[in-house]
Amino acid sequence: ATVQTRLHLLLPFATMSDKPHKAEVEKFDKLKLKKTQTQEKNALPSKETIEQEKQAGSQK
């Protein structure tokens, strides 16, 4: 309880009323968003690749 009281005294401006309201989010125009092309840069190795590397490592 004292931690919350101290935090409230330190940050009196951080109240629930400062958070965005659900209605604000719901009325947001999605058409204003830019279209993007997602590109995977760091793909994880496949199960087969992992097995091949394990076999190559054990042959050394």
PDB file of N, CA and C in Angstrom:
ATOM      1  N   ALA A   1       0.831  -1.192   0.000  1.00  0.00           N
ATOM      2  CA  ALA A   1       0.000   0.000   0.000  1.00  0.00           C
ATOM      3  C   ALA A   1       0.869   1.247   0.000  1.00  0.00           C
ATOM      4  N   THR A   2       1.981   1.211   0.748  1.00  0.00           N
ATOM      5  CA  THR A   2       2.840   2.393   0.793  1.00  0.00           C
ATOM      6  C   THR A   2       3.548   2.616  -0.533  1.00  0.00           C
ATOM      7  N   VAL A   3       3.858   1.547  -1.234  1.00  0.00           N
ATOM      8  CA  VAL A   3       4.511   1.698  -2.537  1.00  0.00           C
ATOM      9  C   VAL A   3       3.575   2.403  -3.506  1.00  0.00           C
ATOM     10  N   GLN A   4       2.312   2.003  -3.523  1.00  0.00           N
ATOM     11  CA  GLN A   4       1.344   2.646  -4.402  1.00  0.00           C
ATOM     12  C   GLN A   4       1.158   4.110  -4.029  1.00  0.00           C
ATOM     13  N   THR A   5       1.125   4.404  -2.740  1.00  0.00           N
ATOM     14  CA  THR A   5       0.960   5.782  -2.290  1.00  0.00           C
ATOM     15  C   THR A   5       2.154   6.615  -2.716  1.00  0.00           C
ATOM     16  N   ARG A   6       3.358   6.084  -2.519  1.00  0.00           N
ATOM     17  CA  ARG A   6       4.566   6.815  -2.914  1.00  0.00           C
ATOM     18  C   ARG A   6       4.607   7.009  -4.423  1.00  0.00           C
ATOM     19  N   LEU A   7       4.245   5.980  -5.170  1.00  0.00           N
ATOM     20  CA  LEU A   7       4.240   6.081  -6.620  1.00  0.00           C
ATOM     21  C   LEU A   7       3.230   7.128  -7.068  1.00  0.00           C
ATOM     22  N   HIS A   8       2.086   7.140  -6.427  1.00  0.00           N
ATOM     23  CA  HIS A   8       1.060   8.130  -6.766  1.00  0.00           C
ATOM     24  C   HIS A   8       1.561   9.540  -6.479  1.00  0.00           C
ATOM     25  N   LEU A   9       2.317   9.721  -5.405  1.00  0.00           N
ATOM     26  CA  LEU A   9       2.853  11.041  -5.084  1.00  0.00           C
ATOM     27  C   LEU A   9       3.927  11.453  -6.081  1.00  0.00           C
ATOM     28  N   LEU A  10       4.724  10.477  -6.539  1.00  0.00           N
ATOM     29  CA  LEU A  10       5.785  10.782  -7.492  1.00  0.00           C
ATOM     30  C   LEU A  10       5.238  10.999  -8.903  1.00  0.00           C
ATOM     31  N   LEU A  11       4.210  10.255  -9.240  1.00  0.00           N
ATOM     32  CA  LEU A  11       3.641  10.327 -10.585  1.00  0.00           C
ATOM     33  C   LEU A  11       2.143  10.643 -10.537  1.00  0.00           C
ATOM     34  N   PRO A  12       1.770  11.802 -10.038  1.00  0.00           N
ATOM     35  CA  PRO A  12       0.342  12.099  -9.932  1.00  0.00           C
ATOM     36  C   PRO A  12      -0.328  12.243 -11.299  1.00  0.00           C
ATOM     37  N   PHE A  13       0.467  12.500 -12.341  1.00  0.00           N
ATOM     38  CA  PHE A  13      -0.096  12.690 -13.672  1.00  0.00           C
ATOM     39  C   PHE A  13      -0.409  11.373 -14.374  1.00  0.00           C
ATOM     40  N   ALA A  14       0.112  10.264 -13.878  1.00  0.00           N
ATOM     41  CA  ALA A  14      -0.110   8.961 -14.512  1.00  0.00           C
ATOM     42  C   ALA A  14      -1.389   8.337 -13.970  1.00  0.00           C
ATOM     43  N   THR A  15      -2.495   8.812 -14.465  1.00  0.00           N
ATOM     44  CA  THR A  15      -3.784   8.307 -14.002  1.00  0.00           C
ATOM     45  C   THR A  15      -4.456   7.507 -15.105  1.00  0.00           C
ATOM     46  N   MET A  16      -5.533   6.845 -14.768  1.00  0.00           N
ATOM     47  CA  MET A  16      -6.272   6.055 -15.740  1.00  0.00           C
ATOM     48  C   MET A  16      -6.852   6.946 -16.843  1.00  0.00           C
ATOM     49  N   SER A  17      -7.160   8.192 -16.534  1.00  0.00           N
ATOM     50  CA  SER A  17      -7.759   9.080 -17.535  1.00  0.00           C
ATOM     51  C   SER A  17      -6.772   9.445 -18.634  1.00  0.00           C
ATOM     52  N   ASP A  18      -5.477   9.223 -18.406  1.00  0.00           N
ATOM     53  CA  ASP A  18      -4.471   9.524 -19.419  1.00  0.00           C
ATOM     54  C   ASP A  18      -4.369   8.436 -20.476  1.00  0.00           C
ATOM     55  N   LYS A  19      -4.888   7.264 -20.193  1.00  0.00           N
ATOM     56  CA  LYS A  19      -4.792   6.159 -21.140  1.00  0.00           C
ATOM     57  C   LYS A  19      -5.819   6.342 -22.253  1.00  0.00           C
ATOM     58  N   PRO A  20      -5.474   5.890 -23.476  1.00  0.00           N
ATOM     59  CA  PRO A  20      -6.437   6.051 -24.573  1.00  0.00           C
ATOM     60  C   PRO A  20      -7.712   5.267 -24.312  1.00  0.00           C
ATOM     61  N   HIS A  21      -8.795   5.838 -24.698  1.00  0.00           N
ATOM     62  CA  HIS A  21     -10.084   5.186 -24.498  1.00  0.00           C
ATOM     63  C   HIS A  21     -10.351   4.224 -25.638  1.00  0.00           C
ATOM     64  N   LYS A  22     -11.123   3.213 -25.346  1.00  0.00           N
ATOM     65  CA  LYS A  22     -11.453   2.203 -26.348  1.00  0.00           C
ATOM     66  C   LYS A  22     -12.167   2.837 -27.541  1.00  0.00           C
ATOM     67  N   ALA A  23     -13.012   3.794 -27.281  1.00  0.00           N
ATOM     68  CA  ALA A  23     -13.748   4.460 -28.359  1.00  0.00           C
ATOM     69  C   ALA A  23     -12.794   5.174 -29.308  1.00  0.00           C
ATOM     70  N   GLU A  24     -11.737   5.768 -28.771  1.00  0.00           N
ATOM     71  CA  GLU A  24     -10.746   6.450 -29.605  1.00  0.00           C
ATOM     72  C   GLU A  24     -10.081   5.462 -30.553  1.00  0.00           C
ATOM     73  N   VAL A  25      -9.757   4.301 -30.040  1.00  0.00           N
ATOM     74  CA  VAL A  25      -9.105   3.275 -30.851  1.00  0.00           C
ATOM     75  C   VAL A  25     -10.067   2.747 -31.905  1.00  0.00           C
ATOM     76  N   GLU A  26     -11.309   2.535 -31.518  1.00  0.00           N
ATOM     77  CA  GLU A  26     -12.298   1.985 -32.446  1.00  0.00           C
ATOM     78  C   GLU A  26     -12.612   2.935 -33.596  1.00  0.00           C
ATOM     79  N   LYS A  27     -12.534   4.246 -33.368  1.00  0.00           N
ATOM     80  CA  LYS A  27     -12.862   5.182 -34.443  1.00  0.00           C
ATOM     81  C   LYS A  27     -11.647   5.534 -35.304  1.00  0.00           C
ATOM     82  N   PHE A  28     -10.495   4.957 -35.020  1.00  0.00           N
ATOM     83  CA  PHE A  28      -9.293   5.214 -35.812  1.00  0.00           C
ATOM     84  C   PHE A  28      -9.495   4.741 -37.248  1.00  0.00           C
ATOM     85  N   ASP A  29      -9.118   5.563 -38.208  1.00  0.00           N
ATOM     86  CA  ASP A  29      -9.281   5.233 -39.624  1.00  0.00           C
ATOM     87  C   ASP A  29      -8.105   4.376 -40.087  1.00  0.00           C
ATOM     88  N   LYS A  30      -8.358   3.107 -40.323  1.00  0.00           N
ATOM     89  CA  LYS A  30      -7.313   2.170 -40.741  1.00  0.00           C
ATOM     90  C   LYS A  30      -6.762   2.509 -42.123  1.00  0.00           C
ATOM     91  N   LEU A  31      -7.516   3.251 -42.910  1.00  0.00           N
ATOM     92  CA  LEU A  31      -7.063   3.611 -44.254  1.00  0.00           C
ATOM     93  C   LEU A  31      -5.889   4.589 -44.222  1.00  0.00           C
ATOM     94  N   LYS A  32      -5.656   5.226 -43.080  1.00  0.00           N
ATOM     95  CA  LYS A  32      -4.528   6.147 -42.956  1.00  0.00           C
ATOM     96  C   LYS A  32      -3.196   5.408 -42.790  1.00  0.00           C
ATOM     97  N   LEU A  33      -3.265   4.123 -42.515  1.00  0.00           N
ATOM     98  CA  LEU A  33      -2.045   3.347 -42.335  1.00  0.00           C
ATOM     99  C   LEU A  33      -1.402   3.059 -43.683  1.00  0.00           C
ATOM    100  N   LYS A  34      -0.079   3.040 -43.713  1.00  0.00           N
ATOM    101  CA  LYS A  34       0.639   2.742 -44.944  1.00  0.00           C
ATOM    102  C   LYS A  34       0.707   1.238 -45.153  1.00  0.00           C
ATOM    103  N   LYS A  35       0.677   0.828 -46.405  1.00  0.00           N
ATOM    104  CA  LYS A  35       0.840  -0.587 -46.742  1.00  0.00           C
ATOM    105  C   LYS A  35       2.326  -0.925 -46.660  1.00  0.00           C
ATOM    106  N   THR A  36       2.631  -2.086 -46.141  1.00  0.00           N
ATOM    107  CA  THR A  36       4.027  -2.509 -46.037  1.00  0.00           C
ATOM    108  C   THR A  36       4.181  -3.923 -46.558  1.00  0.00           C
ATOM    109  N   GLN A  37       5.374  -4.237 -46.968  1.00  0.00           N
ATOM    110  CA  GLN A  37       5.725  -5.585 -47.381  1.00  0.00           C
ATOM    111  C   GLN A  37       6.636  -6.155 -46.300  1.00  0.00           C
ATOM    112  N   THR A  38       6.188  -7.193 -45.652  1.00  0.00           N
ATOM    113  CA  THR A  38       6.986  -7.814 -44.603  1.00  0.00           C
ATOM    114  C   THR A  38       7.992  -8.756 -45.238  1.00  0.00           C
ATOM    115  N   GLN A  39       9.250  -8.615 -44.837  1.00  0.00           N
ATOM    116  CA  GLN A  39      10.297  -9.488 -45.348  1.00  0.00           C
ATOM    117  C   GLN A  39      10.977 -10.158 -44.168  1.00  0.00           C
ATOM    118  N   GLU A  40      11.071 -11.474 -44.239  1.00  0.00           N
ATOM    119  CA  GLU A  40      11.724 -12.228 -43.178  1.00  0.00           C
ATOM    120  C   GLU A  40      13.224 -12.170 -43.416  1.00  0.00           C
ATOM    121  N   LYS A  41      13.956 -11.631 -42.456  1.00  0.00           N
ATOM    122  CA  LYS A  41      15.392 -11.453 -42.632  1.00  0.00           C
ATOM    123  C   LYS A  41      16.205 -12.553 -41.966  1.00  0.00           C
ATOM    124  N   ASN A  42      15.804 -12.989 -40.798  1.00  0.00           N
ATOM    125  CA  ASN A  42      16.550 -14.001 -40.057  1.00  0.00           C
ATOM    126  C   ASN A  42      15.685 -15.235 -39.884  1.00  0.00           C
ATOM    127  N   ALA A  43      15.609 -16.009 -40.939  1.00  0.00           N
ATOM    128  CA  ALA A  43      14.773 -17.206 -40.887  1.00  0.00           C
ATOM    129  C   ALA A  43      15.434 -18.263 -40.009  1.00  0.00           C
ATOM    130  N   LEU A  44      14.624 -18.972 -39.261  1.00  0.00           N
ATOM    131  CA  LEU A  44      15.139 -20.065 -38.447  1.00  0.00           C
ATOM    132  C   LEU A  44      15.438 -21.252 -39.351  1.00  0.00           C
ATOM    133  N   PRO A  45      16.459 -22.036 -39.016  1.00  0.00           N
ATOM    134  CA  PRO A  45      16.774 -23.198 -39.846  1.00  0.00           C
ATOM    135  C   PRO A  45      15.676 -24.249 -39.747  1.00  0.00           C
ATOM    136  N   SER A  46      15.530 -25.003 -40.822  1.00  0.00           N
ATOM    137  CA  SER A  46      14.530 -26.067 -40.825  1.00  0.00           C
ATOM    138  C   SER A  46      15.037 -27.237 -39.991  1.00  0.00           C
ATOM    139  N   LYS A  47      14.154 -28.157 -39.683  1.00  0.00           N
ATOM    140  CA  LYS A  47      14.519 -29.343 -38.907  1.00  0.00           C
ATOM    141  C   LYS A  47      15.580 -30.150 -39.652  1.00  0.00           C
ATOM    142  N   GLU A  48      15.443 -30.222 -40.967  1.00  0.00           N
ATOM    143  CA  GLU A  48      16.399 -30.966 -41.781  1.00  0.00           C
ATOM    144  C   GLU A  48      17.790 -30.331 -41.727  1.00  0.00           C
ATOM    145  N   THR A  49      17.858 -29.013 -41.792  1.00  0.00           N
ATOM    146  CA  THR A  49      19.137 -28.310 -41.732  1.00  0.00           C
ATOM    147  C   THR A  49      19.820 -28.552 -40.393  1.00  0.00           C
ATOM    148  N   ILE A  50      19.066 -28.524 -39.321  1.00  0.00           N
ATOM    149  CA  ILE A  50      19.624 -28.769 -37.986  1.00  0.00           C
ATOM    150  C   ILE A  50      20.189 -30.177 -37.903  1.00  0.00           C
ATOM    151  N   GLU A  51      19.460 -31.145 -38.422  1.00  0.00           N
ATOM    152  CA  GLU A  51      19.932 -32.536 -38.405  1.00  0.00           C
ATOM    153  C   GLU A  51      21.207 -32.691 -39.223  1.00  0.00           C
ATOM    154  N   GLN A  52      21.276 -32.041 -40.380  1.00  0.00           N
ATOM    155  CA  GLN A  52      22.471 -32.113 -41.218  1.00  0.00           C
ATOM    156  C   GLN A  52      23.673 -31.516 -40.495  1.00  0.00           C
ATOM    157  N   GLU A  53      23.476 -30.397 -39.809  1.00  0.00           N
ATOM    158  CA  GLU A  53      24.570 -29.766 -39.079  1.00  0.00           C
ATOM    159  C   GLU A  53      25.012 -30.623 -37.902  1.00  0.00           C
ATOM    160  N   LYS A  54      24.074 -31.286 -37.245  1.00  0.00           N
ATOM    161  CA  LYS A  54      24.428 -32.187 -36.141  1.00  0.00           C
ATOM    162  C   LYS A  54      25.271 -33.339 -36.654  1.00  0.00           C
ATOM    163  N   GLN A  55      24.862 -33.917 -37.792  1.00  0.00           N
ATOM    164  CA  GLN A  55      25.601 -35.043 -38.364  1.00  0.00           C
ATOM    165  C   GLN A  55      26.981 -34.599 -38.828  1.00  0.00           C
ATOM    166  N   ALA A  56      27.089 -33.434 -39.423  1.00  0.00           N
ATOM    167  CA  ALA A  56      28.379 -32.926 -39.883  1.00  0.00           C
ATOM    168  C   ALA A  56      29.291 -32.634 -38.692  1.00  0.00           C
ATOM    169  N   GLY A  57      28.719 -32.148 -37.603  1.00  0.00           N
ATOM    170  CA  GLY A  57      29.507 -31.850 -36.406  1.00  0.00           C
ATOM    171  C   GLY A  57      29.989 -33.099 -35.708  1.00  0.00           C
ATOM    172  N   SER A  58      29.223 -34.165 -35.752  1.00  0.00           N
ATOM    173  CA  SER A  58      29.622 -35.401 -35.077  1.00  0.00           C
ATOM    174  C   SER A  58      30.648 -36.180 -35.887  1.00  0.00           C
ATOM    175  N   GLN A  59      30.822 -35.870 -37.160  1.00  0.00           N
ATOM    176  CA  GLN A  59      31.790 -36.561 -38.006  1.00  0.00           C
ATOM    177  C   GLN A  59      33.182 -35.975 -37.854  1.00  0.00           C
ATOM    178  N   LYS A  60      33.324 -34.849 -37.210  1.00  0.00           N
ATOM    179  CA  LYS A  60      34.640 -34.206 -37.054  1.00  0.00           C
ATOM    180  C   LYS A  60      35.501 -34.927 -36.070  1.00  0.00           C
TER     181      LYS A  60
END
